[in-house]
């Protein structure tokens, strides 16, 4: 269709309906994967607007032209990072500059007052903060020209002087952050050095008069050095979206930067907050504290066949590797001399052949 329109349209430029075909050709050109596709589509649409601006095709071309030239952006940021780090990624087109502000927030107060699972301010709540307070930091990012009308990415640092804590990072295409003829975005970032890592297991506890393993081990590290941090307070909160989130347990990390939360009769969901001085770390992801059995020696086997698909009448050659040991410790060895039963099952799970 593109090839036909490109050949047919030039000889019919005197008719107003030529602009309809021009708009259609511009739309098809927009969809091409070529790097200059939007440049060529814009040129086609601009010709339709210039020649027949008041016609249906000319108006359609104008819509295409404006959509290609329209400014657009989105912002992403690291959930946790240090001040001065390259943490904010801007995806943009047709925009010369983006304005950003940082507003310090009281994380524990937000947890205490939240009545749903969205603890960080969003939407109208974020806009209210921007409209009512002076920012703790403000900066602007000059964006490179996007002459191909496609999305490009530019990175910017968090301001060097930000104190540790939770911040609302707000962005705006206008310097005054006005609500009209503008696009504003808000996202939450924790500035600091604490990093939390969760992993299963790590201890034992009595639950319902039984000795059980499981739970979660939490490791708190320095983001700057990777070393464990002792003496960090780690709070375990229960998600309670109707009554408000409640702190159910609090522990301090040991010399290896570790704490362990035992399995609980009510396994979850929970979330974690870590604090040391002004530094905080927050993990809002659902955490469940289930019990588990103690790892022990186990036996298993791997089976191999000489091909993945067989035709009727072909012989199946197979091999067994039996092994034993502790998978949790990575200590496995061949289970030499052990008897292994092997059988072939059909689609109804009936054994049609067996061997030992």
C-alpha atoms as a PDB file:
ATOM      1  CA  UNK A   1       0.000   0.000   0.000  1.00  0.00           C
ATOM      2  CA  UNK A   2       2.853   2.383   0.806  1.00  0.00           C
ATOM      3  CA  UNK A   3       4.498   1.680  -2.537  1.00  0.00           C
ATOM      4  CA  UNK A   4       1.214   2.223  -4.413  1.00  0.00           C
ATOM      5  CA  UNK A   5       0.460   5.529  -2.657  1.00  0.00           C
ATOM      6  CA  UNK A   6       3.990   6.813  -3.195  1.00  0.00           C
ATOM      7  CA  UNK A   7       3.646   6.144  -6.932  1.00  0.00           C
ATOM      8  CA  UNK A   8       0.028   7.272  -7.334  1.00  0.00           C
ATOM      9  CA  UNK A   9      -0.170  10.464  -5.259  1.00  0.00           C
ATOM     10  CA  UNK A  10       2.347  12.780  -7.052  1.00  0.00           C
ATOM     11  CA  UNK A  11       0.273  12.855 -10.263  1.00  0.00           C
ATOM     12  CA  UNK A  12      -2.953  13.725  -8.363  1.00  0.00           C
ATOM     13  CA  UNK A  13      -1.816  16.703  -6.294  1.00  0.00           C
ATOM     14  CA  UNK A  14      -4.456  19.019  -7.824  1.00  0.00           C
ATOM     15  CA  UNK A  15      -7.338  17.214  -6.095  1.00  0.00           C
ATOM     16  CA  UNK A  16      -8.248  17.975  -2.473  1.00  0.00           C
ATOM     17  CA  UNK A  17      -8.687  14.267  -1.796  1.00  0.00           C
ATOM     18  CA  UNK A  18      -4.974  13.920  -2.511  1.00  0.00           C
ATOM     19  CA  UNK A  19      -4.466  15.081   1.091  1.00  0.00           C
ATOM     20  CA  UNK A  20      -6.416  12.048   2.372  1.00  0.00           C
ATOM     21  CA  UNK A  21      -3.982   9.751   0.580  1.00  0.00           C
ATOM     22  CA  UNK A  22      -1.084  11.848   1.840  1.00  0.00           C
ATOM     23  CA  UNK A  23      -2.313  11.403   5.427  1.00  0.00           C
ATOM     24  CA  UNK A  24      -2.640   7.655   4.894  1.00  0.00           C
ATOM     25  CA  UNK A  25       0.882   7.460   3.463  1.00  0.00           C
ATOM     26  CA  UNK A  26       2.194   9.482   6.429  1.00  0.00           C
ATOM     27  CA  UNK A  27       0.539   7.074   8.877  1.00  0.00           C
ATOM     28  CA  UNK A  28       2.009   4.017   7.162  1.00  0.00           C
ATOM     29  CA  UNK A  29       5.427   5.694   7.074  1.00  0.00           C
ATOM     30  CA  UNK A  30       5.199   6.363  10.832  1.00  0.00           C
ATOM     31  CA  UNK A  31       4.964   2.629  11.422  1.00  0.00           C
ATOM     32  CA  UNK A  32       8.242   1.839   9.653  1.00  0.00           C
ATOM     33  CA  UNK A  33      11.193   0.718  11.749  1.00  0.00           C
ATOM     34  CA  UNK A  34      13.695   2.885   9.847  1.00  0.00           C
ATOM     35  CA  UNK A  35      15.458   5.550  11.971  1.00  0.00           C
ATOM     36  CA  UNK A  36      14.247   8.379   9.704  1.00  0.00           C
ATOM     37  CA  UNK A  37      10.642   7.123   9.445  1.00  0.00           C
ATOM     38  CA  UNK A  38       9.144   9.885  11.609  1.00  0.00           C
ATOM     39  CA  UNK A  39      11.126  12.582   9.770  1.00  0.00           C
ATOM     40  CA  UNK A  40       9.726  11.378   6.432  1.00  0.00           C
ATOM     41  CA  UNK A  41       6.213  10.989   7.868  1.00  0.00           C
ATOM     42  CA  UNK A  42       6.310  14.537   9.229  1.00  0.00           C
ATOM     43  CA  UNK A  43       7.397  15.884   5.854  1.00  0.00           C
ATOM     44  CA  UNK A  44       4.513  14.074   4.124  1.00  0.00           C
ATOM     45  CA  UNK A  45       1.987  15.398   6.638  1.00  0.00           C
ATOM     46  CA  UNK A  46       3.368  18.953   6.399  1.00  0.00           C
ATOM     47  CA  UNK A  47       2.883  18.879   2.601  1.00  0.00           C
ATOM     48  CA  UNK A  48      -0.775  17.880   3.079  1.00  0.00           C
ATOM     49  CA  UNK A  49      -1.343  20.703   5.578  1.00  0.00           C
ATOM     50  CA  UNK A  50       0.322  23.274   3.314  1.00  0.00           C
ATOM     51  CA  UNK A  51      -1.583  22.318   0.150  1.00  0.00           C
ATOM     52  CA  UNK A  52      -5.125  21.711   1.456  1.00  0.00           C
ATOM     53  CA  UNK A  53      -5.262  22.966   5.065  1.00  0.00           C
ATOM     54  CA  UNK A  54      -9.086  23.097   5.338  1.00  0.00           C
ATOM     55  CA  UNK A  55      -9.870  19.766   3.691  1.00  0.00           C
ATOM     56  CA  UNK A  56     -10.573  16.569   5.665  1.00  0.00           C
ATOM     57  CA  UNK A  57      -7.227  15.183   4.474  1.00  0.00           C
ATOM     58  CA  UNK A  58      -5.415  18.397   5.413  1.00  0.00           C
ATOM     59  CA  UNK A  59      -6.888  18.312   8.910  1.00  0.00           C
ATOM     60  CA  UNK A  60      -5.882  14.672   9.244  1.00  0.00           C
ATOM     61  CA  UNK A  61      -2.349  15.614   8.158  1.00  0.00           C
ATOM     62  CA  UNK A  62      -2.312  18.397  10.759  1.00  0.00           C
ATOM     63  CA  UNK A  63      -3.207  15.894  13.479  1.00  0.00           C
ATOM     64  CA  UNK A  64      -0.355  13.617  12.377  1.00  0.00           C
ATOM     65  CA  UNK A  65       2.065  16.559  12.241  1.00  0.00           C
ATOM     66  CA  UNK A  66       1.171  17.693  15.769  1.00  0.00           C
ATOM     67  CA  UNK A  67       1.379  14.162  17.173  1.00  0.00           C
ATOM     68  CA  UNK A  68       4.889  13.725  15.761  1.00  0.00           C
ATOM     69  CA  UNK A  69       6.028  17.112  17.081  1.00  0.00           C
ATOM     70  CA  UNK A  70       4.322  16.806  20.495  1.00  0.00           C
ATOM     71  CA  UNK A  71       6.668  16.911  23.507  1.00  0.00           C
ATOM     72  CA  UNK A  72       6.599  13.834  25.729  1.00  0.00           C
ATOM     73  CA  UNK A  73       8.626  12.432  28.611  1.00  0.00           C
ATOM     74  CA  UNK A  74       8.659   9.872  31.411  1.00  0.00           C
ATOM     75  CA  UNK A  75      10.921   9.520  34.457  1.00  0.00           C
ATOM     76  CA  UNK A  76      12.296   6.484  36.305  1.00  0.00           C
ATOM     77  CA  UNK A  77      14.638   6.350  39.280  1.00  0.00           C
ATOM     78  CA  UNK A  78      16.481   3.884  41.469  1.00  0.00           C
ATOM     79  CA  UNK A  79      14.427   2.842  44.494  1.00  0.00           C
ATOM     80  CA  UNK A  80      17.479   3.424  46.747  1.00  0.00           C
ATOM     81  CA  UNK A  81      20.699   5.284  45.949  1.00  0.00           C
ATOM     82  CA  UNK A  82      23.223   7.737  47.368  1.00  0.00           C
ATOM     83  CA  UNK A  83      23.168  11.494  46.839  1.00  0.00           C
ATOM     84  CA  UNK A  84      25.104  12.627  43.778  1.00  0.00           C
ATOM     85  CA  UNK A  85      24.610   9.316  41.959  1.00  0.00           C
ATOM     86  CA  UNK A  86      23.345   8.874  38.375  1.00  0.00           C
ATOM     87  CA  UNK A  87      19.946   7.618  39.510  1.00  0.00           C
ATOM     88  CA  UNK A  88      17.273   9.320  37.401  1.00  0.00           C
ATOM     89  CA  UNK A  89      16.538   8.248  33.823  1.00  0.00           C
ATOM     90  CA  UNK A  90      14.504  10.536  31.573  1.00  0.00           C
ATOM     91  CA  UNK A  91      12.921   9.184  28.387  1.00  0.00           C
ATOM     92  CA  UNK A  92      12.026  12.171  26.204  1.00  0.00           C
ATOM     93  CA  UNK A  93      11.295  13.590  22.781  1.00  0.00           C
ATOM     94  CA  UNK A  94      10.675  17.127  21.477  1.00  0.00           C
ATOM     95  CA  UNK A  95      11.519  18.645  24.874  1.00  0.00           C
ATOM     96  CA  UNK A  96      14.423  21.009  25.566  1.00  0.00           C
ATOM     97  CA  UNK A  97      14.512  21.027  29.364  1.00  0.00           C
ATOM     98  CA  UNK A  98      13.026  19.202  32.343  1.00  0.00           C
ATOM     99  CA  UNK A  99      12.662  20.678  35.832  1.00  0.00           C
ATOM    100  CA  UNK A 100      12.974  18.563  38.975  1.00  0.00           C
ATOM    101  CA  UNK A 101      12.381  19.083  42.682  1.00  0.00           C
ATOM    102  CA  UNK A 102      13.047  16.934  45.754  1.00  0.00           C
ATOM    103  CA  UNK A 103      10.828  16.997  48.867  1.00  0.00           C
ATOM    104  CA  UNK A 104      11.942  15.221  52.054  1.00  0.00           C
ATOM    105  CA  UNK A 105       9.231  12.994  53.586  1.00  0.00           C
ATOM    106  CA  UNK A 106       8.811  11.361  57.003  1.00  0.00           C
ATOM    107  CA  UNK A 107       8.729   7.662  56.115  1.00  0.00           C
ATOM    108  CA  UNK A 108       7.581   6.414  59.525  1.00  0.00           C
ATOM    109  CA  UNK A 109       4.769   9.000  59.610  1.00  0.00           C
ATOM    110  CA  UNK A 110       3.614   7.844  56.160  1.00  0.00           C
ATOM    111  CA  UNK A 111       3.553   4.221  57.357  1.00  0.00           C
ATOM    112  CA  UNK A 112       1.595   5.219  60.458  1.00  0.00           C
ATOM    113  CA  UNK A 113      -1.070   7.184  58.566  1.00  0.00           C
ATOM    114  CA  UNK A 114      -1.415   4.967  55.468  1.00  0.00           C
ATOM    115  CA  UNK A 115      -4.761   3.195  55.128  1.00  0.00           C
ATOM    116  CA  UNK A 116      -3.944   1.215  52.001  1.00  0.00           C
ATOM    117  CA  UNK A 117      -0.935  -0.605  50.569  1.00  0.00           C
ATOM    118  CA  UNK A 118       0.292   2.463  48.633  1.00  0.00           C
ATOM    119  CA  UNK A 119       2.443   4.016  51.337  1.00  0.00           C
ATOM    120  CA  UNK A 120       4.253   6.537  49.124  1.00  0.00           C
ATOM    121  CA  UNK A 121       2.341   9.660  47.983  1.00  0.00           C
ATOM    122  CA  UNK A 122       0.921   9.473  44.455  1.00  0.00           C
ATOM    123  CA  UNK A 123      -1.355  11.485  42.172  1.00  0.00           C
ATOM    124  CA  UNK A 124      -3.310  14.215  43.950  1.00  0.00           C
ATOM    125  CA  UNK A 125      -1.460  13.594  47.222  1.00  0.00           C
ATOM    126  CA  UNK A 126       1.912  14.161  45.532  1.00  0.00           C
ATOM    127  CA  UNK A 127       0.639  17.288  43.744  1.00  0.00           C
ATOM    128  CA  UNK A 128      -0.579  18.656  47.090  1.00  0.00           C
ATOM    129  CA  UNK A 129       2.941  18.313  48.556  1.00  0.00           C
ATOM    130  CA  UNK A 130       4.466  20.096  45.552  1.00  0.00           C
ATOM    131  CA  UNK A 131       1.943  22.926  45.793  1.00  0.00           C
ATOM    132  CA  UNK A 132       2.238  23.456  49.554  1.00  0.00           C
ATOM    133  CA  UNK A 133       5.967  23.272  50.308  1.00  0.00           C
ATOM    134  CA  UNK A 134       9.302  24.653  49.281  1.00  0.00           C
ATOM    135  CA  UNK A 135      11.481  21.898  47.822  1.00  0.00           C
ATOM    136  CA  UNK A 136      14.578  20.703  49.634  1.00  0.00           C
ATOM    137  CA  UNK A 137      16.402  20.774  46.291  1.00  0.00           C
ATOM    138  CA  UNK A 138      15.584  21.933  42.756  1.00  0.00           C
ATOM    139  CA  UNK A 139      17.473  21.453  39.510  1.00  0.00           C
ATOM    140  CA  UNK A 140      16.963  21.411  35.751  1.00  0.00           C
ATOM    141  CA  UNK A 141      18.249  19.090  33.055  1.00  0.00           C
ATOM    142  CA  UNK A 142      18.978  20.337  29.541  1.00  0.00           C
ATOM    143  CA  UNK A 143      17.873  17.654  27.096  1.00  0.00           C
ATOM    144  CA  UNK A 144      19.565  17.032  23.734  1.00  0.00           C
ATOM    145  CA  UNK A 145      17.554  17.839  20.629  1.00  0.00           C
ATOM    146  CA  UNK A 146      15.638  14.824  19.272  1.00  0.00           C
ATOM    147  CA  UNK A 147      15.771  15.672  15.566  1.00  0.00           C
ATOM    148  CA  UNK A 148      14.470  12.215  14.612  1.00  0.00           C
ATOM    149  CA  UNK A 149      11.293  12.773  16.726  1.00  0.00           C
ATOM    150  CA  UNK A 150      11.927   9.470  18.537  1.00  0.00           C
ATOM    151  CA  UNK A 151      12.354   8.721  22.252  1.00  0.00           C
ATOM    152  CA  UNK A 152      15.839   9.308  23.661  1.00  0.00           C
ATOM    153  CA  UNK A 153      17.247   8.699  27.138  1.00  0.00           C
ATOM    154  CA  UNK A 154      19.124  11.157  29.318  1.00  0.00           C
ATOM    155  CA  UNK A 155      20.390  10.521  32.862  1.00  0.00           C
ATOM    156  CA  UNK A 156      20.705  12.975  35.725  1.00  0.00           C
ATOM    157  CA  UNK A 157      22.182  12.751  39.222  1.00  0.00           C
ATOM    158  CA  UNK A 158      20.418  13.166  42.526  1.00  0.00           C
ATOM    159  CA  UNK A 159      21.611  16.476  44.061  1.00  0.00           C
ATOM    160  CA  UNK A 160      24.877  16.096  45.941  1.00  0.00           C
ATOM    161  CA  UNK A 161      23.672  17.784  49.127  1.00  0.00           C
ATOM    162  CA  UNK A 162      20.563  15.675  49.828  1.00  0.00           C
ATOM    163  CA  UNK A 163      20.512  14.349  53.393  1.00  0.00           C
ATOM    164  CA  UNK A 164      19.620  10.677  53.905  1.00  0.00           C
ATOM    165  CA  UNK A 165      15.898   9.902  53.897  1.00  0.00           C
ATOM    166  CA  UNK A 166      12.827   9.405  51.735  1.00  0.00           C
ATOM    167  CA  UNK A 167      12.150  11.976  49.009  1.00  0.00           C
ATOM    168  CA  UNK A 168       9.368  12.739  46.584  1.00  0.00           C
ATOM    169  CA  UNK A 169      11.094  13.530  43.282  1.00  0.00           C
ATOM    170  CA  UNK A 170       8.754  15.671  41.181  1.00  0.00           C
ATOM    171  CA  UNK A 171       9.332  16.562  37.529  1.00  0.00           C
ATOM    172  CA  UNK A 172       7.695  19.120  35.262  1.00  0.00           C
ATOM    173  CA  UNK A 173       8.003  20.320  31.693  1.00  0.00           C
ATOM    174  CA  UNK A 174       7.337  23.852  33.001  1.00  0.00           C
ATOM    175  CA  UNK A 175       9.567  25.625  35.489  1.00  0.00           C
ATOM    176  CA  UNK A 176       6.591  26.824  37.560  1.00  0.00           C
ATOM    177  CA  UNK A 177       5.143  23.287  37.866  1.00  0.00           C
ATOM    178  CA  UNK A 178       1.749  24.648  36.790  1.00  0.00           C
ATOM    179  CA  UNK A 179      -1.069  22.153  36.321  1.00  0.00           C
ATOM    180  CA  UNK A 180      -2.189  23.497  32.910  1.00  0.00           C
ATOM    181  CA  UNK A 181      -0.488  22.835  29.547  1.00  0.00           C
ATOM    182  CA  UNK A 182       2.020  20.691  31.351  1.00  0.00           C
ATOM    183  CA  UNK A 183       2.968  17.176  32.401  1.00  0.00           C
ATOM    184  CA  UNK A 184       4.106  16.479  35.952  1.00  0.00           C
ATOM    185  CA  UNK A 185       5.342  13.178  37.405  1.00  0.00           C
ATOM    186  CA  UNK A 186       6.119  12.212  41.003  1.00  0.00           C
ATOM    187  CA  UNK A 187       8.090   9.215  42.256  1.00  0.00           C
ATOM    188  CA  UNK A 188       9.626   8.223  45.572  1.00  0.00           C
ATOM    189  CA  UNK A 189      13.347   7.642  46.114  1.00  0.00           C
ATOM    190  CA  UNK A 190      15.256   6.753  49.284  1.00  0.00           C
ATOM    191  CA  UNK A 191      18.591   8.547  49.521  1.00  0.00           C
ATOM    192  CA  UNK A 192      21.167   6.843  51.709  1.00  0.00           C
ATOM    193  CA  UNK A 193      23.679   4.019  52.131  1.00  0.00           C
ATOM    194  CA  UNK A 194      21.578   1.165  53.576  1.00  0.00           C
ATOM    195  CA  UNK A 195      20.662  -1.781  51.347  1.00  0.00           C
ATOM    196  CA  UNK A 196      18.540  -4.752  52.464  1.00  0.00           C
ATOM    197  CA  UNK A 197      18.756  -8.259  51.008  1.00  0.00           C
ATOM    198  CA  UNK A 198      16.240 -10.988  51.931  1.00  0.00           C
ATOM    199  CA  UNK A 199      16.784 -14.729  51.727  1.00  0.00           C
ATOM    200  CA  UNK A 200      14.907 -17.799  52.913  1.00  0.00           C
ATOM    201  CA  UNK A 201      15.786 -19.619  56.130  1.00  0.00           C
ATOM    202  CA  UNK A 202      18.675 -18.771  58.393  1.00  0.00           C
ATOM    203  CA  UNK A 203      17.436 -20.007  61.794  1.00  0.00           C
ATOM    204  CA  UNK A 204      15.107 -22.164  63.879  1.00  0.00           C
ATOM    205  CA  UNK A 205      12.207 -21.366  66.220  1.00  0.00           C
ATOM    206  CA  UNK A 206       9.379 -22.928  68.237  1.00  0.00           C
ATOM    207  CA  UNK A 207       6.000 -22.521  66.532  1.00  0.00           C
ATOM    208  CA  UNK A 208       2.927 -24.263  68.008  1.00  0.00           C
ATOM    209  CA  UNK A 209       5.178 -26.331  70.286  1.00  0.00           C
ATOM    210  CA  UNK A 210       7.197 -27.586  67.302  1.00  0.00           C
ATOM    211  CA  UNK A 211      10.801 -26.868  66.371  1.00  0.00           C
ATOM    212  CA  UNK A 212      10.714 -25.459  62.816  1.00  0.00           C
ATOM    213  CA  UNK A 213      13.145 -23.929  60.351  1.00  0.00           C
ATOM    214  CA  UNK A 214      12.316 -21.345  57.689  1.00  0.00           C
ATOM    215  CA  UNK A 215      11.432 -17.675  58.106  1.00  0.00           C
ATOM    216  CA  UNK A 216      13.538 -14.960  56.477  1.00  0.00           C
ATOM    217  CA  UNK A 217      17.077 -13.774  56.994  1.00  0.00           C
ATOM    218  CA  UNK A 218      17.672 -10.074  56.279  1.00  0.00           C
ATOM    219  CA  UNK A 219      21.153  -8.842  55.454  1.00  0.00           C
ATOM    220  CA  UNK A 220      21.878  -5.098  55.704  1.00  0.00           C
ATOM    221  CA  UNK A 221      24.825  -3.835  53.659  1.00  0.00           C
ATOM    222  CA  UNK A 222      26.514  -0.557  52.825  1.00  0.00           C
ATOM    223  CA  UNK A 223      25.586   0.459  49.287  1.00  0.00           C
ATOM    224  CA  UNK A 224      28.905   2.236  48.940  1.00  0.00           C
ATOM    225  CA  UNK A 225      31.255  -0.537  50.113  1.00  0.00           C
ATOM    226  CA  UNK A 226      29.154  -3.715  50.090  1.00  0.00           C
ATOM    227  CA  UNK A 227      30.202  -4.465  53.686  1.00  0.00           C
ATOM    228  CA  UNK A 228      27.670  -5.655  56.305  1.00  0.00           C
ATOM    229  CA  UNK A 229      26.491  -3.031  58.800  1.00  0.00           C
ATOM    230  CA  UNK A 230      25.980  -4.024  62.472  1.00  0.00           C
ATOM    231  CA  UNK A 231      23.582  -2.264  64.823  1.00  0.00           C
ATOM    232  CA  UNK A 232      20.903  -1.458  62.237  1.00  0.00           C
ATOM    233  CA  UNK A 233      17.336  -1.585  63.580  1.00  0.00           C
ATOM    234  CA  UNK A 234      15.127  -3.676  61.288  1.00  0.00           C
ATOM    235  CA  UNK A 235      11.373  -3.387  61.888  1.00  0.00           C
ATOM    236  CA  UNK A 236       8.868  -5.973  60.686  1.00  0.00           C
ATOM    237  CA  UNK A 237       5.472  -4.453  59.838  1.00  0.00           C
ATOM    238  CA  UNK A 238       2.206  -6.246  59.107  1.00  0.00           C
ATOM    239  CA  UNK A 239       0.200  -4.961  56.144  1.00  0.00           C
ATOM    240  CA  UNK A 240      -3.181  -3.845  57.554  1.00  0.00           C
ATOM    241  CA  UNK A 241      -4.796  -1.676  54.895  1.00  0.00           C
ATOM    242  CA  UNK A 242      -8.042  -1.086  56.839  1.00  0.00           C
ATOM    243  CA  UNK A 243      -6.751  -0.535  60.397  1.00  0.00           C
ATOM    244  CA  UNK A 244      -3.307   0.825  59.560  1.00  0.00           C
ATOM    245  CA  UNK A 245       0.023  -0.976  59.318  1.00  0.00           C
ATOM    246  CA  UNK A 246       1.438  -2.220  62.630  1.00  0.00           C
ATOM    247  CA  UNK A 247       4.995  -2.955  63.748  1.00  0.00           C
ATOM    248  CA  UNK A 248       5.064  -6.520  65.072  1.00  0.00           C
ATOM    249  CA  UNK A 249       8.780  -7.069  65.724  1.00  0.00           C
ATOM    250  CA  UNK A 250      12.039  -5.111  65.848  1.00  0.00           C
ATOM    251  CA  UNK A 251      15.609  -6.489  65.807  1.00  0.00           C
ATOM    252  CA  UNK A 252      19.179  -5.139  65.511  1.00  0.00           C
ATOM    253  CA  UNK A 253      21.653  -6.585  63.008  1.00  0.00           C
ATOM    254  CA  UNK A 254      24.602  -8.586  64.376  1.00  0.00           C
ATOM    255  CA  UNK A 255      28.288  -8.191  63.493  1.00  0.00           C
ATOM    256  CA  UNK A 256      27.602  -9.800  60.088  1.00  0.00           C
ATOM    257  CA  UNK A 257      24.765  -7.342  59.381  1.00  0.00           C
ATOM    258  CA  UNK A 258      22.106 -10.054  59.796  1.00  0.00           C
ATOM    259  CA  UNK A 259      18.751 -10.447  61.495  1.00  0.00           C
ATOM    260  CA  UNK A 260      16.367 -13.396  61.298  1.00  0.00           C
ATOM    261  CA  UNK A 261      12.590 -13.290  61.511  1.00  0.00           C
ATOM    262  CA  UNK A 262      11.101 -16.614  62.555  1.00  0.00           C
ATOM    263  CA  UNK A 263       8.102 -18.315  60.937  1.00  0.00           C
ATOM    264  CA  UNK A 264       4.829 -17.040  62.365  1.00  0.00           C
ATOM    265  CA  UNK A 265       1.373 -18.512  62.864  1.00  0.00           C
ATOM    266  CA  UNK A 266       0.087 -15.627  60.738  1.00  0.00           C
ATOM    267  CA  UNK A 267       2.649 -15.878  57.881  1.00  0.00           C
ATOM    268  CA  UNK A 268       1.942 -12.507  56.276  1.00  0.00           C
ATOM    269  CA  UNK A 269       2.009 -10.326  54.367  1.00  0.00           C
ATOM    270  CA  UNK A 270       4.676  -8.161  56.026  1.00  0.00           C
ATOM    271  CA  UNK A 271       7.144  -5.474  54.955  1.00  0.00           C
ATOM    272  CA  UNK A 272      10.505  -4.226  56.280  1.00  0.00           C
ATOM    273  CA  UNK A 273      11.957  -0.915  57.451  1.00  0.00           C
ATOM    274  CA  UNK A 274      15.633  -0.534  58.449  1.00  0.00           C
ATOM    275  CA  UNK A 275      17.097   2.472  60.294  1.00  0.00           C
ATOM    276  CA  UNK A 276      20.475   3.643  61.525  1.00  0.00           C
ATOM    277  CA  UNK A 277      20.844   7.314  62.357  1.00  0.00           C
ATOM    278  CA  UNK A 278      19.265   9.250  59.482  1.00  0.00           C
ATOM    279  CA  UNK A 279      19.807   6.401  57.035  1.00  0.00           C
ATOM    280  CA  UNK A 280      16.749   4.313  56.193  1.00  0.00           C
ATOM    281  CA  UNK A 281      15.992   1.406  53.888  1.00  0.00           C
ATOM    282  CA  UNK A 282      12.487   0.298  52.998  1.00  0.00           C
ATOM    283  CA  UNK A 283      11.261  -2.867  51.308  1.00  0.00           C
ATOM    284  CA  UNK A 284       7.511  -2.611  50.553  1.00  0.00           C
ATOM    285  CA  UNK A 285       7.345  -5.954  48.748  1.00  0.00           C
ATOM    286  CA  UNK A 286       5.115  -8.569  50.342  1.00  0.00           C
ATOM    287  CA  UNK A 287       7.062 -10.776  52.772  1.00  0.00           C
ATOM    288  CA  UNK A 288       5.744 -14.121  54.058  1.00  0.00           C
ATOM    289  CA  UNK A 289       7.206 -15.970  57.056  1.00  0.00           C
ATOM    290  CA  UNK A 290       6.540 -19.640  56.432  1.00  0.00           C
ATOM    291  CA  UNK A 291       8.076 -22.549  58.279  1.00  0.00           C
ATOM    292  CA  UNK A 292      10.048 -25.230  56.492  1.00  0.00           C
ATOM    293  CA  UNK A 293      11.642 -28.566  57.124  1.00  0.00           C
ATOM    294  CA  UNK A 294      15.278 -28.867  58.128  1.00  0.00           C
ATOM    295  CA  UNK A 295      17.524 -29.579  55.088  1.00  0.00           C
ATOM    296  CA  UNK A 296      18.798 -33.155  55.154  1.00  0.00           C
ATOM    297  CA  UNK A 297      20.482 -35.796  53.025  1.00  0.00           C
ATOM    298  CA  UNK A 298      18.402 -36.747  49.998  1.00  0.00           C
ATOM    299  CA  UNK A 299      18.628 -39.106  47.043  1.00  0.00           C
ATOM    300  CA  UNK A 300      17.583 -38.334  43.479  1.00  0.00           C
ATOM    301  CA  UNK A 301      18.403 -39.197  39.882  1.00  0.00           C
ATOM    302  CA  UNK A 302      18.779 -37.672  36.450  1.00  0.00           C
ATOM    303  CA  UNK A 303      17.672 -39.606  33.373  1.00  0.00           C
ATOM    304  CA  UNK A 304      19.036 -39.098  29.854  1.00  0.00           C
ATOM    305  CA  UNK A 305      17.827 -40.409  26.488  1.00  0.00           C
ATOM    306  CA  UNK A 306      19.809 -40.513  23.257  1.00  0.00           C
ATOM    307  CA  UNK A 307      17.321 -38.250  21.454  1.00  0.00           C
ATOM    308  CA  UNK A 308      14.317 -36.079  22.232  1.00  0.00           C
ATOM    309  CA  UNK A 309      11.836 -37.517  19.670  1.00  0.00           C
ATOM    310  CA  UNK A 310      11.406 -41.128  18.476  1.00  0.00           C
ATOM    311  CA  UNK A 311       9.604 -42.641  15.507  1.00  0.00           C
ATOM    312  CA  UNK A 312       7.701 -45.957  15.794  1.00  0.00           C
ATOM    313  CA  UNK A 313      10.054 -48.920  15.947  1.00  0.00           C
ATOM    314  CA  UNK A 314      13.131 -46.972  17.059  1.00  0.00           C
ATOM    315  CA  UNK A 315      15.033 -48.251  20.095  1.00  0.00           C
ATOM    316  CA  UNK A 316      15.366 -45.956  23.122  1.00  0.00           C
ATOM    317  CA  UNK A 317      18.822 -45.768  24.671  1.00  0.00           C
ATOM    318  CA  UNK A 318      18.893 -44.264  28.143  1.00  0.00           C
ATOM    319  CA  UNK A 319      21.247 -43.598  31.033  1.00  0.00           C
ATOM    320  CA  UNK A 320      20.706 -42.934  34.749  1.00  0.00           C
ATOM    321  CA  UNK A 321      22.851 -40.819  37.075  1.00  0.00           C
ATOM    322  CA  UNK A 322      21.833 -41.510  40.685  1.00  0.00           C
ATOM    323  CA  UNK A 323      23.182 -39.096  43.317  1.00  0.00           C
ATOM    324  CA  UNK A 324      22.875 -38.260  47.011  1.00  0.00           C
ATOM    325  CA  UNK A 325      23.900 -35.570  49.486  1.00  0.00           C
ATOM    326  CA  UNK A 326      22.912 -32.077  50.706  1.00  0.00           C
ATOM    327  CA  UNK A 327      21.730 -29.804  47.913  1.00  0.00           C
ATOM    328  CA  UNK A 328      21.561 -26.789  50.282  1.00  0.00           C
ATOM    329  CA  UNK A 329      25.313 -27.113  50.911  1.00  0.00           C
ATOM    330  CA  UNK A 330      26.218 -28.045  47.345  1.00  0.00           C
ATOM    331  CA  UNK A 331      27.637 -31.365  48.594  1.00  0.00           C
ATOM    332  CA  UNK A 332      26.426 -34.010  46.150  1.00  0.00           C
ATOM    333  CA  UNK A 333      28.077 -37.244  45.041  1.00  0.00           C
ATOM    334  CA  UNK A 334      27.185 -40.253  42.834  1.00  0.00           C
ATOM    335  CA  UNK A 335      25.022 -42.823  44.626  1.00  0.00           C
ATOM    336  CA  UNK A 336      27.218 -45.750  43.538  1.00  0.00           C
ATOM    337  CA  UNK A 337      25.871 -49.287  43.671  1.00  0.00           C
ATOM    338  CA  UNK A 338      22.279 -48.280  44.433  1.00  0.00           C
ATOM    339  CA  UNK A 339      19.331 -50.048  42.824  1.00  0.00           C
ATOM    340  CA  UNK A 340      17.240 -47.880  40.516  1.00  0.00           C
ATOM    341  CA  UNK A 341      13.850 -48.766  39.034  1.00  0.00           C
ATOM    342  CA  UNK A 342      13.025 -47.342  35.613  1.00  0.00           C
ATOM    343  CA  UNK A 343       9.764 -47.656  33.725  1.00  0.00           C
ATOM    344  CA  UNK A 344       8.176 -46.421  30.527  1.00  0.00           C
ATOM    345  CA  UNK A 345       4.648 -45.004  30.804  1.00  0.00           C
ATOM    346  CA  UNK A 346       2.050 -44.400  28.108  1.00  0.00           C
ATOM    347  CA  UNK A 347      -0.308 -41.422  27.816  1.00  0.00           C
ATOM    348  CA  UNK A 348      -2.674 -43.083  30.333  1.00  0.00           C
ATOM    349  CA  UNK A 349       0.224 -43.425  32.795  1.00  0.00           C
ATOM    350  CA  UNK A 350       0.233 -47.249  32.468  1.00  0.00           C
ATOM    351  CA  UNK A 351       3.636 -48.942  32.719  1.00  0.00           C
ATOM    352  CA  UNK A 352       4.404 -50.644  29.428  1.00  0.00           C
ATOM    353  CA  UNK A 353       8.038 -51.547  30.176  1.00  0.00           C
ATOM    354  CA  UNK A 354      10.217 -51.758  33.299  1.00  0.00           C
ATOM    355  CA  UNK A 355      13.847 -52.323  34.189  1.00  0.00           C
ATOM    356  CA  UNK A 356      16.009 -52.331  37.324  1.00  0.00           C
END
